[in-house]
Amino acid sequence: MRGGTYGWQAADAGVIGLCWTNTLPNLPPWGAATPRVGNNPLVIAVPRARGAHVVLDMAMSQFSYGALASYRMRGEALPVPGGFDSAGELTTDPAAIEASRRPLPIGFWKGPDSRSCWI
């Protein structure tokens, strides 16, 4: 939630925050194999009474590259398929997704069993 830091700052100041960043193309659009769009985080923040703010910090992929790296470093598989390996097969192997540079774009189901959704 590095991008979310700015959302929290906005909400703490009592204003709505809408934040995003620039990045190089590092995410293929649906159905493509070549990265053409940026995996820019989108942050939406809404202030609420007593600091119970709503802050969403969302990657444009099923898992952010930071989340992929965290799973890889812990030696864990992803809880659901998060992208494609070099053979074009869906995989839960974060290292294979990083190597292929083909994470799944946003829009794939993210449910309560998916650790990509932090509360």
C-alpha atoms as a PDB file:
ATOM      1  CA  MET A   1       0.000   0.000   0.000  1.00  0.00           C
ATOM      2  CA  ARG A   2       2.708   2.483  -0.887  1.00  0.00           C
ATOM      3  CA  GLY A   3       0.273   4.400  -3.102  1.00  0.00           C
ATOM      4  CA  GLY A   4      -2.336   4.148  -0.361  1.00  0.00           C
ATOM      5  CA  THR A   5      -0.185   6.404   1.823  1.00  0.00           C
ATOM      6  CA  TYR A   6      -1.390   9.404  -0.182  1.00  0.00           C
ATOM      7  CA  GLY A   7      -5.003   8.283   0.119  1.00  0.00           C
ATOM      8  CA  TRP A   8      -4.631   8.056   3.893  1.00  0.00           C
ATOM      9  CA  GLN A   9      -3.124  11.558   3.955  1.00  0.00           C
ATOM     10  CA  ALA A  10      -6.087  12.938   1.999  1.00  0.00           C
ATOM     11  CA  ALA A  11      -8.666  11.168   4.178  1.00  0.00           C
ATOM     12  CA  ASP A  12      -6.914  12.297   7.380  1.00  0.00           C
ATOM     13  CA  ALA A  13      -7.152  15.871   6.025  1.00  0.00           C
ATOM     14  CA  GLY A  14     -10.917  15.395   5.577  1.00  0.00           C
ATOM     15  CA  VAL A  15     -10.945  15.346   1.779  1.00  0.00           C
ATOM     16  CA  ILE A  16     -11.644  12.703  -0.852  1.00  0.00           C
ATOM     17  CA  GLY A  17      -8.499  11.426  -2.537  1.00  0.00           C
ATOM     18  CA  LEU A  18      -8.126  10.026  -6.052  1.00  0.00           C
ATOM     19  CA  CYS A  19      -4.501   9.159  -6.798  1.00  0.00           C
ATOM     20  CA  TRP A  20      -2.574   7.220  -9.455  1.00  0.00           C
ATOM     21  CA  THR A  21       0.935   7.047 -10.842  1.00  0.00           C
ATOM     22  CA  ASN A  22       2.778   6.728 -14.137  1.00  0.00           C
ATOM     23  CA  THR A  23       4.638   3.585 -15.086  1.00  0.00           C
ATOM     24  CA  LEU A  24       6.088   1.837 -18.100  1.00  0.00           C
ATOM     25  CA  PRO A  25       3.965  -0.732 -19.954  1.00  0.00           C
ATOM     26  CA  ASN A  26       4.329  -3.836 -17.794  1.00  0.00           C
ATOM     27  CA  LEU A  27       0.933  -5.500 -18.116  1.00  0.00           C
ATOM     28  CA  PRO A  28      -0.626  -7.104 -21.185  1.00  0.00           C
ATOM     29  CA  PRO A  29      -4.266  -6.217 -21.868  1.00  0.00           C
ATOM     30  CA  TRP A  30      -6.803  -9.069 -21.804  1.00  0.00           C
ATOM     31  CA  GLY A  31      -6.024 -11.603 -24.538  1.00  0.00           C
ATOM     32  CA  ALA A  32      -2.569 -10.224 -25.368  1.00  0.00           C
ATOM     33  CA  ALA A  33       0.900 -11.578 -24.655  1.00  0.00           C
ATOM     34  CA  THR A  34       2.894  -8.349 -24.841  1.00  0.00           C
ATOM     35  CA  PRO A  35       2.844  -5.707 -22.076  1.00  0.00           C
ATOM     36  CA  ARG A  36       1.081  -2.620 -23.474  1.00  0.00           C
ATOM     37  CA  VAL A  37      -0.487  -0.941 -20.433  1.00  0.00           C
ATOM     38  CA  GLY A  38       0.888   0.179 -17.099  1.00  0.00           C
ATOM     39  CA  ASN A  39       0.113  -1.595 -13.858  1.00  0.00           C
ATOM     40  CA  ASN A  40      -0.509   1.779 -12.274  1.00  0.00           C
ATOM     41  CA  PRO A  41      -2.079   1.646  -8.834  1.00  0.00           C
ATOM     42  CA  LEU A  42      -5.371   3.450  -8.388  1.00  0.00           C
ATOM     43  CA  VAL A  43      -6.059   4.862  -4.931  1.00  0.00           C
ATOM     44  CA  ILE A  44      -9.502   6.053  -3.833  1.00  0.00           C
ATOM     45  CA  ALA A  45      -9.913   7.506  -0.347  1.00  0.00           C
ATOM     46  CA  VAL A  46     -13.086   8.647   1.394  1.00  0.00           C
ATOM     47  CA  PRO A  47     -12.867  10.270   4.842  1.00  0.00           C
ATOM     48  CA  ARG A  48     -15.182   9.023   7.576  1.00  0.00           C
ATOM     49  CA  ALA A  49     -15.876  10.050  11.144  1.00  0.00           C
ATOM     50  CA  ARG A  50     -13.444   9.021  13.881  1.00  0.00           C
ATOM     51  CA  GLY A  51     -10.760   7.995  11.378  1.00  0.00           C
ATOM     52  CA  ALA A  52     -12.670   4.968  10.028  1.00  0.00           C
ATOM     53  CA  HIS A  53     -11.730   6.012   6.482  1.00  0.00           C
ATOM     54  CA  VAL A  54     -12.289   3.916   3.386  1.00  0.00           C
ATOM     55  CA  VAL A  55      -9.038   3.671   1.404  1.00  0.00           C
ATOM     56  CA  LEU A  56      -8.740   1.427  -1.653  1.00  0.00           C
ATOM     57  CA  ASP A  57      -5.276   0.845  -3.145  1.00  0.00           C
ATOM     58  CA  MET A  58      -5.652  -1.295  -6.252  1.00  0.00           C
ATOM     59  CA  ALA A  59      -3.183  -2.589  -8.810  1.00  0.00           C
ATOM     60  CA  MET A  60      -4.446  -2.971 -12.355  1.00  0.00           C
ATOM     61  CA  SER A  61      -3.606  -6.677 -12.175  1.00  0.00           C
ATOM     62  CA  GLN A  62      -4.830  -9.643 -10.155  1.00  0.00           C
ATOM     63  CA  PHE A  63      -1.652  -9.336  -8.049  1.00  0.00           C
ATOM     64  CA  SER A  64       0.709  -6.369  -7.966  1.00  0.00           C
ATOM     65  CA  TYR A  65       4.356  -6.960  -8.795  1.00  0.00           C
ATOM     66  CA  GLY A  66       5.084  -6.247  -5.121  1.00  0.00           C
ATOM     67  CA  ALA A  67       2.671  -8.999  -4.052  1.00  0.00           C
ATOM     68  CA  LEU A  68       4.228 -11.411  -6.576  1.00  0.00           C
ATOM     69  CA  ALA A  69       7.672 -10.673  -5.141  1.00  0.00           C
ATOM     70  CA  SER A  70       6.409 -11.207  -1.569  1.00  0.00           C
ATOM     71  CA  TYR A  71       4.928 -14.609  -2.408  1.00  0.00           C
ATOM     72  CA  ARG A  72       8.094 -15.598  -4.304  1.00  0.00           C
ATOM     73  CA  MET A  73      10.390 -14.582  -1.439  1.00  0.00           C
ATOM     74  CA  ARG A  74       8.269 -16.590   1.043  1.00  0.00           C
ATOM     75  CA  GLY A  75       8.380 -19.588  -1.311  1.00  0.00           C
ATOM     76  CA  GLU A  76       4.582 -19.660  -1.534  1.00  0.00           C
ATOM     77  CA  ALA A  77       2.259 -20.252  -4.466  1.00  0.00           C
ATOM     78  CA  LEU A  78      -0.482 -17.709  -5.127  1.00  0.00           C
ATOM     79  CA  PRO A  79      -3.905 -18.660  -3.704  1.00  0.00           C
ATOM     80  CA  VAL A  80      -5.481 -18.372  -7.188  1.00  0.00           C
ATOM     81  CA  PRO A  81      -3.980 -18.152 -10.689  1.00  0.00           C
ATOM     82  CA  GLY A  82      -2.319 -14.762 -11.055  1.00  0.00           C
ATOM     83  CA  GLY A  83      -0.881 -14.825 -14.556  1.00  0.00           C
ATOM     84  CA  PHE A  84       0.756 -16.848 -17.269  1.00  0.00           C
ATOM     85  CA  ASP A  85       4.040 -18.755 -17.414  1.00  0.00           C
ATOM     86  CA  SER A  86       6.403 -18.639 -20.407  1.00  0.00           C
ATOM     87  CA  ALA A  87       4.361 -21.383 -22.141  1.00  0.00           C
ATOM     88  CA  GLY A  88       1.196 -19.289 -21.898  1.00  0.00           C
ATOM     89  CA  GLU A  89      -0.418 -21.444 -19.203  1.00  0.00           C
ATOM     90  CA  LEU A  90      -2.227 -19.959 -16.190  1.00  0.00           C
ATOM     91  CA  THR A  91      -0.141 -20.420 -13.077  1.00  0.00           C
ATOM     92  CA  THR A  92       0.017 -19.771  -9.348  1.00  0.00           C
ATOM     93  CA  ASP A  93       3.844 -19.616  -9.476  1.00  0.00           C
ATOM     94  CA  PRO A  94       4.796 -15.984  -8.773  1.00  0.00           C
ATOM     95  CA  ALA A  95       8.350 -16.401 -10.165  1.00  0.00           C
ATOM     96  CA  ALA A  96       6.988 -17.733 -13.462  1.00  0.00           C
ATOM     97  CA  ILE A  97       4.632 -14.767 -13.756  1.00  0.00           C
ATOM     98  CA  GLU A  98       7.428 -12.297 -13.013  1.00  0.00           C
ATOM     99  CA  ALA A  99       9.619 -13.974 -15.651  1.00  0.00           C
ATOM    100  CA  SER A 100       6.911 -13.941 -18.342  1.00  0.00           C
ATOM    101  CA  ARG A 101       5.770 -10.397 -17.443  1.00  0.00           C
ATOM    102  CA  ARG A 102       2.205 -11.592 -18.006  1.00  0.00           C
ATOM    103  CA  PRO A 103       0.142 -11.054 -14.840  1.00  0.00           C
ATOM    104  CA  LEU A 104      -3.627 -11.305 -15.201  1.00  0.00           C
ATOM    105  CA  PRO A 105      -5.233  -7.906 -15.741  1.00  0.00           C
ATOM    106  CA  ILE A 106      -7.699  -6.606 -13.174  1.00  0.00           C
ATOM    107  CA  GLY A 107     -11.194  -7.971 -13.472  1.00  0.00           C
ATOM    108  CA  PHE A 108     -10.490 -11.562 -12.454  1.00  0.00           C
ATOM    109  CA  TRP A 109     -12.413 -12.692  -9.367  1.00  0.00           C
ATOM    110  CA  LYS A 110     -10.948 -11.521  -6.055  1.00  0.00           C
ATOM    111  CA  GLY A 111     -12.722 -13.065  -3.125  1.00  0.00           C
ATOM    112  CA  PRO A 112     -12.265 -13.492   0.614  1.00  0.00           C
ATOM    113  CA  ASP A 113      -9.829 -16.385   0.111  1.00  0.00           C
ATOM    114  CA  SER A 114      -7.588 -14.222  -2.091  1.00  0.00           C
ATOM    115  CA  ARG A 115      -4.794 -12.568  -0.122  1.00  0.00           C
ATOM    116  CA  SER A 116      -4.640  -9.850  -2.773  1.00  0.00           C
ATOM    117  CA  CYS A 117      -7.559  -8.136  -1.011  1.00  0.00           C
ATOM    118  CA  TRP A 118      -6.282  -6.570   2.237  1.00  0.00           C
ATOM    119  CA  ILE A 119      -8.559  -4.982   4.800  1.00  0.00           C
END
